Amino acid sequence: MTRPHYYLGDHTVLTNINHGPYMFLDTRDPVNLAILLTGDWEKWITDIMLTIVKPGMTVLDIGAHTGFFSILSGHLVGPTGQVHAFEPNPFHHRNLLKSISFNGMYGRVHLHRVALSNQRGETEFQTIGDGGTSIQFLGIEAINEPTMFKVKQGLLTDFLPSLKADVIKIDVDGAEPLIMDSVFEVIDHNPSIIILMEYLPVIWRGGEPGPVLQKFVQRGFQFHILRHDGRVEPTNAAVLEAHRDLYHLDLLIVR
């Protein structure tokens, strides 16, 4: 690894990502490890973000995890833009806040420590293994014991009273049906909005994909699959509704 990196103790490394900003990363989490080793995360999504996110935009990172796309977006929107990162898992909060501050993005990148949903209050959240990551390496379940605890939940519109957004990235591990009413409320106030969404309907909680897909169609959106080799492949609601495989698709949804 040729990028500079500094071990700070307590499982924490400071390094820069390929596109400029620095991040504080926890070596107990597999996503953090991938970012540390490669300087990137989900390159096919990163490449699209580098194309569509412009100075002055407002970006919503729903399911921010360690904050890779939040920090990248904070770099791209510049001092006149705004980023709202939504992440309920406290495992990631400390390092994400340090990354925001270290890169001079305080006041530009806002961390909301909440699980977005269709109601307010509390909900159960599961973490796995040492430290509290929400990501598990397959095959080592026996040594990664799950822990359940309560986190705050709320509506997207509670944290975005202006309803302004230019780009929304959604990766919420099955909670999509719970947030989509609020997401469409934001969409309806932003004619040129672009959506990036992880799509795995077999794990959706509380709803089928068909009605959600049709709401996009009724608003004039088109669907594209972001392939891992960089191809952007047009698709349609019927194909997506039939998708029931246990692997996720990454979607670009644009008018």
Protein backbone atom coordinates (compact mmCIF):
# COMPACT_ATOMS: atom_id res chain seq x y z
CA MET A 1 0.00 0.00 0.00
CA THR A 2 1.63 3.24 -1.15
CA ARG A 3 -0.84 5.73 0.34
CA PRO A 4 0.23 7.25 3.67
CA HIS A 5 -1.35 5.59 6.69
CA TYR A 6 -0.83 6.05 10.41
CA TYR A 7 -1.82 3.63 13.15
CA LEU A 8 -3.21 5.65 16.05
CA GLY A 9 -3.94 2.84 18.50
CA ASP A 10 -7.33 1.49 19.58
CA HIS A 11 -7.86 -0.30 16.22
CA THR A 12 -7.77 3.05 14.38
CA VAL A 13 -5.81 4.00 11.25
CA LEU A 14 -5.71 7.41 9.56
CA THR A 15 -5.27 7.32 5.78
CA ASN A 16 -6.44 9.18 2.72
CA ILE A 17 -8.83 7.80 0.14
CA ASN A 18 -7.95 7.87 -3.55
CA HIS A 19 -9.88 11.05 -4.25
CA GLY A 20 -8.31 13.31 -1.65
CA PRO A 21 -9.92 13.35 1.81
CA TYR A 22 -8.58 11.52 4.85
CA MET A 23 -10.55 9.01 6.89
CA PHE A 24 -10.23 7.49 10.35
CA LEU A 25 -10.83 3.75 9.90
CA ASP A 26 -11.47 0.93 12.38
CA THR A 27 -9.58 -2.27 11.53
CA ARG A 28 -12.28 -4.48 13.09
CA ASP A 29 -14.74 -3.69 10.30
CA PRO A 30 -14.42 -5.33 6.84
CA VAL A 31 -15.59 -2.24 4.94
CA ASN A 32 -13.02 -0.14 6.79
CA LEU A 33 -10.33 -2.70 5.95
CA ALA A 34 -11.24 -2.61 2.25
CA ILE A 35 -11.03 1.19 2.23
CA LEU A 36 -7.69 1.05 4.05
CA LEU A 37 -6.21 -1.43 1.58
CA THR A 38 -7.58 0.04 -1.67
CA GLY A 39 -8.39 3.68 -0.92
CA ASP A 40 -11.81 3.07 -2.40
CA TRP A 41 -15.18 1.46 -1.76
CA GLU A 42 -17.58 0.07 -4.38
CA LYS A 43 -15.68 1.70 -7.22
CA TRP A 44 -18.62 1.42 -9.63
CA ILE A 45 -20.65 3.68 -7.30
CA THR A 46 -17.70 5.93 -6.51
CA ASP A 47 -17.15 6.58 -10.22
CA ILE A 48 -20.79 7.65 -10.64
CA MET A 49 -20.59 9.89 -7.58
CA LEU A 50 -17.50 11.57 -9.03
CA THR A 51 -19.54 12.31 -12.16
CA ILE A 52 -22.84 13.51 -10.70
CA VAL A 53 -21.95 15.31 -7.45
CA LYS A 54 -21.07 18.97 -8.10
CA PRO A 55 -20.08 21.97 -5.96
CA GLY A 56 -23.02 23.50 -4.10
CA MET A 57 -25.18 20.37 -4.19
CA THR A 58 -26.98 18.75 -1.25
CA VAL A 59 -26.31 15.01 -0.89
CA LEU A 60 -28.15 12.57 1.40
CA ASP A 61 -26.18 9.47 2.45
CA ILE A 62 -28.85 7.21 3.93
CA GLY A 63 -27.07 4.29 5.57
CA ALA A 64 -23.68 5.99 5.74
CA HIS A 65 -21.86 3.17 7.56
CA THR A 66 -18.26 4.32 8.05
CA GLY A 67 -18.95 7.45 5.98
CA PHE A 68 -16.92 6.83 2.81
CA PHE A 69 -19.55 8.37 0.54
CA SER A 70 -20.32 11.12 3.05
CA ILE A 71 -16.68 12.23 3.16
CA LEU A 72 -16.29 11.85 -0.61
CA SER A 73 -19.46 13.90 -1.16
CA GLY A 74 -18.30 16.52 1.33
CA HIS A 75 -15.15 16.91 -0.75
CA LEU A 76 -17.12 17.13 -4.01
CA VAL A 77 -19.85 19.59 -2.93
CA GLY A 78 -17.26 21.99 -1.56
CA PRO A 79 -17.85 24.76 0.98
CA THR A 80 -21.14 25.85 -0.64
CA GLY A 81 -22.70 22.37 -0.50
CA GLN A 82 -24.24 20.19 2.19
CA VAL A 83 -24.12 16.49 3.04
CA HIS A 84 -26.51 14.74 5.44
CA ALA A 85 -25.23 11.36 6.66
CA PHE A 86 -27.71 9.03 8.38
CA GLU A 87 -26.19 6.18 10.40
CA PRO A 88 -27.69 4.54 13.53
CA ASN A 89 -24.72 2.36 14.51
CA PRO A 90 -22.59 4.11 17.17
CA PHE A 91 -19.63 1.92 16.16
CA HIS A 92 -19.09 4.32 13.24
CA HIS A 93 -19.97 7.67 14.80
CA ARG A 94 -16.68 8.53 16.51
CA ASN A 95 -14.44 7.96 13.48
CA LEU A 96 -16.90 9.60 11.08
CA LEU A 97 -17.05 12.71 13.24
CA LYS A 98 -13.25 12.77 13.42
CA SER A 99 -13.04 12.41 9.62
CA ILE A 100 -15.48 15.30 9.16
CA SER A 101 -13.46 17.54 11.47
CA PHE A 102 -10.02 16.52 10.16
CA ASN A 103 -11.04 17.36 6.58
CA GLY A 104 -12.47 20.76 7.55
CA MET A 105 -16.01 19.67 6.69
CA TYR A 106 -17.64 20.63 9.98
CA GLY A 107 -20.76 22.62 9.12
CA ARG A 108 -20.86 21.02 5.69
CA VAL A 109 -21.22 17.30 6.51
CA HIS A 110 -23.87 16.59 9.16
CA LEU A 111 -24.07 13.24 10.94
CA HIS A 112 -27.56 12.21 12.05
CA ARG A 113 -27.30 9.30 14.51
CA VAL A 114 -30.65 7.78 13.63
CA ALA A 115 -32.24 4.85 11.82
CA LEU A 116 -34.60 6.38 9.29
CA SER A 117 -38.03 4.76 9.32
CA ASN A 118 -41.74 5.48 8.94
CA GLN A 119 -42.18 6.37 12.60
CA ARG A 120 -40.38 8.08 15.45
CA GLY A 121 -39.09 6.51 18.66
CA GLU A 122 -36.68 3.60 19.08
CA THR A 123 -35.96 0.42 17.19
CA GLU A 124 -33.75 -2.64 17.69
CA PHE A 125 -30.37 -2.74 15.95
CA GLN A 126 -27.97 -5.68 15.65
CA THR A 127 -24.20 -5.51 15.66
CA ILE A 128 -21.77 -8.39 15.29
CA GLY A 129 -18.41 -9.22 16.78
CA ASP A 130 -15.66 -7.19 18.39
CA GLY A 131 -16.41 -3.51 18.66
CA GLY A 132 -19.88 -3.49 17.19
CA THR A 133 -19.66 -3.59 13.40
CA SER A 134 -22.90 -4.31 11.53
CA ILE A 135 -21.08 -6.25 8.77
CA GLN A 136 -20.20 -9.92 9.10
CA PHE A 137 -17.63 -12.04 7.28
CA LEU A 138 -19.55 -15.08 6.02
CA GLY A 139 -18.47 -18.37 7.53
CA ILE A 140 -17.19 -17.18 10.93
CA GLU A 141 -20.52 -16.78 12.69
CA ALA A 142 -19.35 -18.94 15.58
CA ILE A 143 -16.82 -16.35 16.76
CA ASN A 144 -18.88 -13.24 15.92
CA GLU A 145 -21.70 -13.13 18.43
CA PRO A 146 -24.56 -10.71 17.67
CA THR A 147 -25.64 -7.99 20.08
CA MET A 148 -29.06 -6.33 20.03
CA PHE A 149 -29.64 -2.82 21.36
CA LYS A 150 -31.95 0.16 20.92
CA VAL A 151 -31.27 3.08 18.58
CA LYS A 152 -33.20 6.23 17.78
CA GLN A 153 -35.45 6.17 14.72
CA GLY A 154 -37.21 8.96 12.85
CA LEU A 155 -38.52 10.27 9.54
CA LEU A 156 -36.20 11.67 6.89
CA THR A 157 -38.23 14.87 6.76
CA ASP A 158 -37.57 15.45 10.49
CA PHE A 159 -33.93 16.10 9.64
CA LEU A 160 -34.40 17.81 6.29
CA PRO A 161 -37.03 20.52 6.78
CA SER A 162 -36.00 22.29 3.57
CA LEU A 163 -36.66 19.06 1.61
CA LYS A 164 -33.71 20.05 -0.61
CA ALA A 165 -31.60 17.29 -2.12
CA ASP A 166 -29.78 16.82 -5.41
CA VAL A 167 -28.44 13.29 -4.87
CA ILE A 168 -29.68 10.54 -2.53
CA LYS A 169 -27.65 7.39 -1.83
CA ILE A 170 -29.69 4.65 -0.10
CA ASP A 171 -28.21 1.52 1.50
CA VAL A 172 -30.35 0.46 4.46
CA ASP A 173 -30.23 -3.34 4.40
CA GLY A 174 -33.91 -4.11 3.94
CA ALA A 175 -35.51 -1.06 5.55
CA GLU A 176 -36.34 0.53 2.18
CA PRO A 177 -40.14 0.14 2.51
CA LEU A 178 -40.00 2.00 5.84
CA ILE A 179 -38.30 5.10 4.44
CA MET A 180 -39.71 5.45 0.94
CA ASP A 181 -42.72 7.66 1.76
CA SER A 182 -40.36 10.29 3.18
CA VAL A 183 -37.91 9.78 0.31
CA PHE A 184 -40.67 10.42 -2.25
CA GLU A 185 -41.69 13.54 -0.36
CA VAL A 186 -38.15 14.83 -0.88
CA ILE A 187 -38.09 13.64 -4.49
CA ASP A 188 -41.28 15.57 -5.27
CA HIS A 189 -39.57 18.83 -4.24
CA ASN A 190 -36.49 18.29 -6.42
CA PRO A 191 -37.15 17.82 -10.16
CA SER A 192 -33.53 17.02 -11.11
CA ILE A 193 -32.79 14.65 -8.25
CA ILE A 194 -30.62 11.54 -8.80
CA ILE A 195 -31.02 8.36 -6.73
CA LEU A 196 -28.38 5.68 -6.07
CA MET A 197 -29.93 2.69 -4.31
CA GLU A 198 -28.81 -0.75 -3.23
CA TYR A 199 -31.61 -3.09 -4.35
CA LEU A 200 -32.18 -6.48 -2.68
CA PRO A 201 -35.94 -6.93 -2.27
CA VAL A 202 -35.69 -10.44 -0.77
CA ILE A 203 -34.62 -8.83 2.52
CA TRP A 204 -37.07 -5.91 2.46
CA ARG A 205 -39.07 -5.58 5.67
CA GLY A 206 -42.71 -4.60 5.42
CA GLY A 207 -43.36 -4.29 1.70
CA GLU A 208 -43.00 -5.58 -1.85
CA PRO A 209 -40.86 -3.78 -4.46
CA GLY A 210 -43.59 -3.40 -7.10
CA PRO A 211 -45.42 -0.39 -5.59
CA VAL A 212 -42.15 1.40 -4.86
CA LEU A 213 -40.87 0.85 -8.39
CA GLN A 214 -44.15 2.08 -9.86
CA LYS A 215 -43.92 5.30 -7.85
CA PHE A 216 -40.61 5.97 -9.57
CA VAL A 217 -42.13 5.15 -12.98
CA GLN A 218 -45.11 7.44 -12.38
CA ARG A 219 -42.68 10.28 -11.68
CA GLY A 220 -40.83 9.77 -14.94
CA PHE A 221 -37.75 7.97 -13.62
CA GLN A 222 -35.71 5.40 -15.50
CA PHE A 223 -33.65 2.59 -13.94
CA HIS A 224 -30.06 1.60 -14.65
CA ILE A 225 -27.98 -1.20 -13.10
CA LEU A 226 -24.44 -0.21 -12.11
CA ARG A 227 -22.34 -3.25 -12.95
CA HIS A 228 -19.13 -3.91 -11.05
CA ASP A 229 -17.09 -3.60 -14.24
CA GLY A 230 -18.30 -0.02 -14.71
CA ARG A 231 -21.07 -0.67 -17.23
CA VAL A 232 -24.32 1.29 -16.76
CA GLU A 233 -27.05 -1.04 -18.01
CA PRO A 234 -30.63 0.20 -18.63
CA THR A 235 -33.39 -1.90 -17.09
CA ASN A 236 -37.07 -1.54 -16.20
CA ALA A 237 -39.50 -2.02 -13.34
CA ALA A 238 -40.69 -5.43 -14.53
CA VAL A 239 -37.17 -6.87 -14.57
CA LEU A 240 -36.42 -5.40 -11.15
CA GLU A 241 -39.67 -6.63 -9.62
CA ALA A 242 -38.79 -10.16 -10.76
CA HIS A 243 -35.35 -9.97 -9.14
CA ARG A 244 -35.38 -12.38 -6.19
CA ASP A 245 -31.76 -13.51 -6.09
CA LEU A 246 -29.67 -13.30 -2.94
CA TYR A 247 -27.30 -10.72 -4.36
CA HIS A 248 -27.95 -7.03 -4.52
CA LEU A 249 -28.10 -4.75 -7.51
CA ASP A 250 -26.85 -1.18 -7.37
CA LEU A 251 -29.30 1.11 -9.16
CA LEU A 252 -28.94 4.52 -10.73
CA ILE A 253 -32.43 6.07 -10.90
CA VAL A 254 -32.78 9.26 -12.96
CA ARG A 255 -35.46 11.21 -14.79
